[in-house]
């Protein structure tokens, strides 16, 4: 067994430390050993990862060159914005009081965040979630019985939905 020794510790080739000053219990007992964990092999970069990093660097270089020359990059120039983004931009341009709309949006986000905190606090209380679930099931059953089971009630309900839709959209 090949080992390097010093006055107090011995490091053997099996990656364990042996304390030479520690008292031995018996001749048959093994010395007090502390094993060291082996290191994992170094990570190997795959070809795919190298290709991605190379492509990313080339893309950045193209964008830098395009900015230096004052031209738009080819990828940005050919890409069109989606319809929904255009509609949102047009709607935002039509808004007169952008400060009020922005304030309402922030207030809505804060209210949503607060309501999720309130609901999670109620959910942690014993018995409350179960009772609320029973109330929800009961209301859903009552709503289905009142509006969906019988044909005249169902037709009246559909007519009410259509009237509300026309009232909101302003169409006839």
C-alpha atoms as a PDB file:
ATOM      1  CA  UNK A   1       0.000   0.000   0.000  1.00  0.00           C
ATOM      2  CA  UNK A   2       1.569   3.237  -1.133  1.00  0.00           C
ATOM      3  CA  UNK A   3       1.166   6.070   1.304  1.00  0.00           C
ATOM      4  CA  UNK A   4       2.596   9.443   2.155  1.00  0.00           C
ATOM      5  CA  UNK A   5       3.248   9.818   5.837  1.00  0.00           C
ATOM      6  CA  UNK A   6       3.746  12.718   8.163  1.00  0.00           C
ATOM      7  CA  UNK A   7       4.174  12.836  11.906  1.00  0.00           C
ATOM      8  CA  UNK A   8       0.428  12.941  12.707  1.00  0.00           C
ATOM      9  CA  UNK A   9      -1.593  11.819   9.681  1.00  0.00           C
ATOM     10  CA  UNK A  10      -1.202   9.264   6.970  1.00  0.00           C
ATOM     11  CA  UNK A  11      -2.900   9.681   3.612  1.00  0.00           C
ATOM     12  CA  UNK A  12      -3.230   6.402   1.820  1.00  0.00           C
ATOM     13  CA  UNK A  13      -3.947   5.846  -1.842  1.00  0.00           C
ATOM     14  CA  UNK A  14      -7.517   4.788  -0.991  1.00  0.00           C
ATOM     15  CA  UNK A  15      -8.456   8.407  -0.143  1.00  0.00           C
ATOM     16  CA  UNK A  16      -8.762   7.908   3.605  1.00  0.00           C
ATOM     17  CA  UNK A  17      -7.103   9.682   6.512  1.00  0.00           C
ATOM     18  CA  UNK A  18      -5.591   7.566   9.246  1.00  0.00           C
ATOM     19  CA  UNK A  19      -4.776   9.192  12.573  1.00  0.00           C
ATOM     20  CA  UNK A  20      -1.502   7.608  13.704  1.00  0.00           C
ATOM     21  CA  UNK A  21      -1.675   9.126  17.212  1.00  0.00           C
ATOM     22  CA  UNK A  22      -5.149   7.720  17.928  1.00  0.00           C
ATOM     23  CA  UNK A  23      -5.049   4.859  20.429  1.00  0.00           C
ATOM     24  CA  UNK A  24      -5.763   1.442  19.000  1.00  0.00           C
ATOM     25  CA  UNK A  25      -8.442  -0.623  20.677  1.00  0.00           C
ATOM     26  CA  UNK A  26      -7.098  -4.026  19.757  1.00  0.00           C
ATOM     27  CA  UNK A  27      -4.849  -5.606  17.257  1.00  0.00           C
ATOM     28  CA  UNK A  28      -7.812  -6.893  15.236  1.00  0.00           C
ATOM     29  CA  UNK A  29      -9.660  -3.536  15.135  1.00  0.00           C
ATOM     30  CA  UNK A  30      -9.236  -1.266  12.109  1.00  0.00           C
ATOM     31  CA  UNK A  31      -7.700   2.184  12.514  1.00  0.00           C
ATOM     32  CA  UNK A  32     -10.002   5.170  12.791  1.00  0.00           C
ATOM     33  CA  UNK A  33     -10.555   6.245   9.196  1.00  0.00           C
ATOM     34  CA  UNK A  34     -12.343   9.135   7.609  1.00  0.00           C
ATOM     35  CA  UNK A  35     -13.100   8.602   3.947  1.00  0.00           C
ATOM     36  CA  UNK A  36     -13.086  11.539   1.608  1.00  0.00           C
ATOM     37  CA  UNK A  37     -15.696  11.753  -1.146  1.00  0.00           C
ATOM     38  CA  UNK A  38     -14.407  11.502  -4.666  1.00  0.00           C
ATOM     39  CA  UNK A  39     -14.874  14.449  -6.976  1.00  0.00           C
ATOM     40  CA  UNK A  40     -17.239  14.100  -9.920  1.00  0.00           C
ATOM     41  CA  UNK A  41     -15.688  14.181 -13.384  1.00  0.00           C
ATOM     42  CA  UNK A  42     -15.473  17.607 -15.008  1.00  0.00           C
ATOM     43  CA  UNK A  43     -18.517  18.531 -17.068  1.00  0.00           C
ATOM     44  CA  UNK A  44     -18.188  17.850 -20.761  1.00  0.00           C
ATOM     45  CA  UNK A  45     -19.638  20.494 -23.043  1.00  0.00           C
ATOM     46  CA  UNK A  46     -21.740  18.891 -25.693  1.00  0.00           C
ATOM     47  CA  UNK A  47     -21.538  19.855 -29.319  1.00  0.00           C
ATOM     48  CA  UNK A  48     -25.109  21.179 -29.187  1.00  0.00           C
ATOM     49  CA  UNK A  49     -24.296  23.590 -26.344  1.00  0.00           C
ATOM     50  CA  UNK A  50     -21.191  24.849 -28.119  1.00  0.00           C
ATOM     51  CA  UNK A  51     -23.240  25.397 -31.270  1.00  0.00           C
ATOM     52  CA  UNK A  52     -25.863  27.382 -29.317  1.00  0.00           C
ATOM     53  CA  UNK A  53     -23.269  29.627 -27.692  1.00  0.00           C
ATOM     54  CA  UNK A  54     -21.552  30.174 -31.037  1.00  0.00           C
ATOM     55  CA  UNK A  55     -24.860  31.049 -32.709  1.00  0.00           C
ATOM     56  CA  UNK A  56     -25.702  33.441 -29.865  1.00  0.00           C
ATOM     57  CA  UNK A  57     -22.327  35.193 -30.190  1.00  0.00           C
ATOM     58  CA  UNK A  58     -22.816  35.541 -33.937  1.00  0.00           C
ATOM     59  CA  UNK A  59     -26.271  37.020 -33.406  1.00  0.00           C
ATOM     60  CA  UNK A  60     -24.883  39.587 -30.960  1.00  0.00           C
ATOM     61  CA  UNK A  61     -22.091  40.456 -33.400  1.00  0.00           C
ATOM     62  CA  UNK A  62     -24.634  40.999 -36.214  1.00  0.00           C
ATOM     63  CA  UNK A  63     -26.723  43.252 -33.969  1.00  0.00           C
ATOM     64  CA  UNK A  64     -23.663  45.282 -32.945  1.00  0.00           C
ATOM     65  CA  UNK A  65     -22.627  45.708 -36.576  1.00  0.00           C
ATOM     66  CA  UNK A  66     -26.158  46.707 -37.542  1.00  0.00           C
ATOM     67  CA  UNK A  67     -26.312  49.264 -34.756  1.00  0.00           C
ATOM     68  CA  UNK A  68     -22.929  50.677 -35.741  1.00  0.00           C
ATOM     69  CA  UNK A  69     -23.969  51.102 -39.362  1.00  0.00           C
ATOM     70  CA  UNK A  70     -27.401  52.423 -38.411  1.00  0.00           C
ATOM     71  CA  UNK A  71     -29.280  49.634 -40.150  1.00  0.00           C
ATOM     72  CA  UNK A  72     -31.930  47.492 -38.548  1.00  0.00           C
ATOM     73  CA  UNK A  73     -30.937  43.861 -38.004  1.00  0.00           C
ATOM     74  CA  UNK A  74     -32.391  41.520 -40.609  1.00  0.00           C
ATOM     75  CA  UNK A  75     -34.293  39.471 -38.014  1.00  0.00           C
ATOM     76  CA  UNK A  76     -35.985  42.513 -36.523  1.00  0.00           C
ATOM     77  CA  UNK A  77     -36.764  44.136 -39.844  1.00  0.00           C
ATOM     78  CA  UNK A  78     -38.517  41.080 -41.289  1.00  0.00           C
ATOM     79  CA  UNK A  79     -40.472  40.165 -38.128  1.00  0.00           C
ATOM     80  CA  UNK A  80     -43.932  41.715 -37.842  1.00  0.00           C
ATOM     81  CA  UNK A  81     -45.734  42.380 -34.608  1.00  0.00           C
ATOM     82  CA  UNK A  82     -48.759  40.191 -33.912  1.00  0.00           C
ATOM     83  CA  UNK A  83     -52.298  41.478 -34.435  1.00  0.00           C
ATOM     84  CA  UNK A  84     -53.062  41.594 -30.719  1.00  0.00           C
ATOM     85  CA  UNK A  85     -50.036  43.810 -30.052  1.00  0.00           C
ATOM     86  CA  UNK A  86     -51.112  46.189 -32.810  1.00  0.00           C
ATOM     87  CA  UNK A  87     -54.654  46.296 -31.396  1.00  0.00           C
ATOM     88  CA  UNK A  88     -53.313  46.989 -27.907  1.00  0.00           C
ATOM     89  CA  UNK A  89     -51.072  49.772 -29.215  1.00  0.00           C
ATOM     90  CA  UNK A  90     -53.976  51.385 -31.084  1.00  0.00           C
ATOM     91  CA  UNK A  91     -56.212  51.157 -28.022  1.00  0.00           C
ATOM     92  CA  UNK A  92     -53.480  52.708 -25.865  1.00  0.00           C
ATOM     93  CA  UNK A  93     -53.069  55.578 -28.320  1.00  0.00           C
ATOM     94  CA  UNK A  94     -56.828  56.293 -28.132  1.00  0.00           C
ATOM     95  CA  UNK A  95     -56.727  56.621 -24.319  1.00  0.00           C
ATOM     96  CA  UNK A  96     -56.807  60.254 -23.227  1.00  0.00           C
ATOM     97  CA  UNK A  97     -55.941  59.878 -19.533  1.00  0.00           C
ATOM     98  CA  UNK A  98     -53.073  57.401 -19.550  1.00  0.00           C
ATOM     99  CA  UNK A  99     -52.123  58.225 -15.961  1.00  0.00           C
ATOM    100  CA  UNK A 100     -55.550  57.178 -14.677  1.00  0.00           C
ATOM    101  CA  UNK A 101     -55.557  53.970 -16.699  1.00  0.00           C
ATOM    102  CA  UNK A 102     -52.057  53.104 -15.480  1.00  0.00           C
ATOM    103  CA  UNK A 103     -53.097  53.819 -11.886  1.00  0.00           C
ATOM    104  CA  UNK A 104     -56.156  51.584 -12.264  1.00  0.00           C
ATOM    105  CA  UNK A 105     -53.995  48.796 -13.682  1.00  0.00           C
ATOM    106  CA  UNK A 106     -51.561  49.031 -10.765  1.00  0.00           C
ATOM    107  CA  UNK A 107     -54.459  49.121  -8.291  1.00  0.00           C
ATOM    108  CA  UNK A 108     -55.939  46.042  -9.980  1.00  0.00           C
ATOM    109  CA  UNK A 109     -52.668  44.147  -9.664  1.00  0.00           C
ATOM    110  CA  UNK A 110     -52.360  45.124  -5.988  1.00  0.00           C
ATOM    111  CA  UNK A 111     -55.982  44.083  -5.350  1.00  0.00           C
ATOM    112  CA  UNK A 112     -55.390  40.747  -7.081  1.00  0.00           C
ATOM    113  CA  UNK A 113     -52.259  40.164  -5.022  1.00  0.00           C
ATOM    114  CA  UNK A 114     -54.097  41.059  -1.795  1.00  0.00           C
ATOM    115  CA  UNK A 115     -57.048  38.845  -2.624  1.00  0.00           C
ATOM    116  CA  UNK A 116     -54.773  35.861  -3.257  1.00  0.00           C
ATOM    117  CA  UNK A 117     -53.194  36.460   0.147  1.00  0.00           C
ATOM    118  CA  UNK A 118     -56.630  36.633   1.762  1.00  0.00           C
ATOM    119  CA  UNK A 119     -57.794  33.459   0.047  1.00  0.00           C
ATOM    120  CA  UNK A 120     -54.644  31.575   1.051  1.00  0.00           C
ATOM    121  CA  UNK A 121     -55.110  32.750   4.661  1.00  0.00           C
ATOM    122  CA  UNK A 122     -58.726  31.532   4.646  1.00  0.00           C
ATOM    123  CA  UNK A 123     -57.596  28.266   3.075  1.00  0.00           C
ATOM    124  CA  UNK A 124     -55.280  27.616   6.036  1.00  0.00           C
ATOM    125  CA  UNK A 125     -58.118  27.870   8.573  1.00  0.00           C
ATOM    126  CA  UNK A 126     -59.602  24.544   9.636  1.00  0.00           C
ATOM    127  CA  UNK A 127     -63.126  23.683   8.384  1.00  0.00           C
ATOM    128  CA  UNK A 128     -63.542  26.894   6.345  1.00  0.00           C
ATOM    129  CA  UNK A 129     -62.330  25.476   2.999  1.00  0.00           C
ATOM    130  CA  UNK A 130     -64.605  22.467   3.330  1.00  0.00           C
ATOM    131  CA  UNK A 131     -67.630  24.612   4.188  1.00  0.00           C
ATOM    132  CA  UNK A 132     -66.935  26.967   1.272  1.00  0.00           C
ATOM    133  CA  UNK A 133     -66.583  23.984  -1.060  1.00  0.00           C
ATOM    134  CA  UNK A 134     -69.979  22.652   0.077  1.00  0.00           C
ATOM    135  CA  UNK A 135     -71.549  26.090  -0.453  1.00  0.00           C
ATOM    136  CA  UNK A 136     -70.073  26.203  -3.978  1.00  0.00           C
ATOM    137  CA  UNK A 137     -71.364  22.731  -4.829  1.00  0.00           C
ATOM    138  CA  UNK A 138     -74.806  23.604  -3.453  1.00  0.00           C
ATOM    139  CA  UNK A 139     -75.001  26.870  -5.402  1.00  0.00           C
ATOM    140  CA  UNK A 140     -73.860  25.166  -8.615  1.00  0.00           C
ATOM    141  CA  UNK A 141     -76.559  22.524  -8.202  1.00  0.00           C
ATOM    142  CA  UNK A 142     -79.246  25.154  -7.504  1.00  0.00           C
ATOM    143  CA  UNK A 143     -78.135  27.236 -10.530  1.00  0.00           C
ATOM    144  CA  UNK A 144     -78.198  24.203 -12.844  1.00  0.00           C
ATOM    145  CA  UNK A 145     -81.652  23.158 -11.572  1.00  0.00           C
ATOM    146  CA  UNK A 146     -83.083  26.675 -11.875  1.00  0.00           C
ATOM    147  CA  UNK A 147     -81.595  27.622 -15.283  1.00  0.00           C
ATOM    148  CA  UNK A 148     -80.466  24.537 -17.206  1.00  0.00           C
ATOM    149  CA  UNK A 149     -82.652  21.502 -16.473  1.00  0.00           C
ATOM    150  CA  UNK A 150     -85.990  22.522 -18.002  1.00  0.00           C
ATOM    151  CA  UNK A 151     -86.273  23.774 -21.598  1.00  0.00           C
ATOM    152  CA  UNK A 152     -88.323  27.001 -20.925  1.00  0.00           C
ATOM    153  CA  UNK A 153     -85.896  28.043 -18.177  1.00  0.00           C
ATOM    154  CA  UNK A 154     -82.914  27.221 -20.392  1.00  0.00           C
ATOM    155  CA  UNK A 155     -84.319  29.301 -23.277  1.00  0.00           C
ATOM    156  CA  UNK A 156     -84.977  32.241 -20.946  1.00  0.00           C
ATOM    157  CA  UNK A 157     -81.431  31.974 -19.590  1.00  0.00           C
ATOM    158  CA  UNK A 158     -79.920  31.922 -23.110  1.00  0.00           C
ATOM    159  CA  UNK A 159     -82.073  34.928 -24.083  1.00  0.00           C
ATOM    160  CA  UNK A 160     -80.847  36.813 -20.998  1.00  0.00           C
ATOM    161  CA  UNK A 161     -77.215  36.042 -21.912  1.00  0.00           C
ATOM    162  CA  UNK A 162     -77.785  37.311 -25.476  1.00  0.00           C
ATOM    163  CA  UNK A 163     -79.417  40.523 -24.199  1.00  0.00           C
ATOM    164  CA  UNK A 164     -76.540  41.148 -21.789  1.00  0.00           C
ATOM    165  CA  UNK A 165     -74.005  40.520 -24.572  1.00  0.00           C
ATOM    166  CA  UNK A 166     -75.763  42.993 -26.884  1.00  0.00           C
ATOM    167  CA  UNK A 167     -75.949  45.539 -24.074  1.00  0.00           C
ATOM    168  CA  UNK A 168     -72.229  45.274 -23.423  1.00  0.00           C
ATOM    169  CA  UNK A 169     -71.048  45.267 -27.025  1.00  0.00           C
ATOM    170  CA  UNK A 170     -73.667  47.736 -28.206  1.00  0.00           C
ATOM    171  CA  UNK A 171     -74.603  45.619 -31.209  1.00  0.00           C
ATOM    172  CA  UNK A 172     -78.130  44.578 -32.223  1.00  0.00           C
END
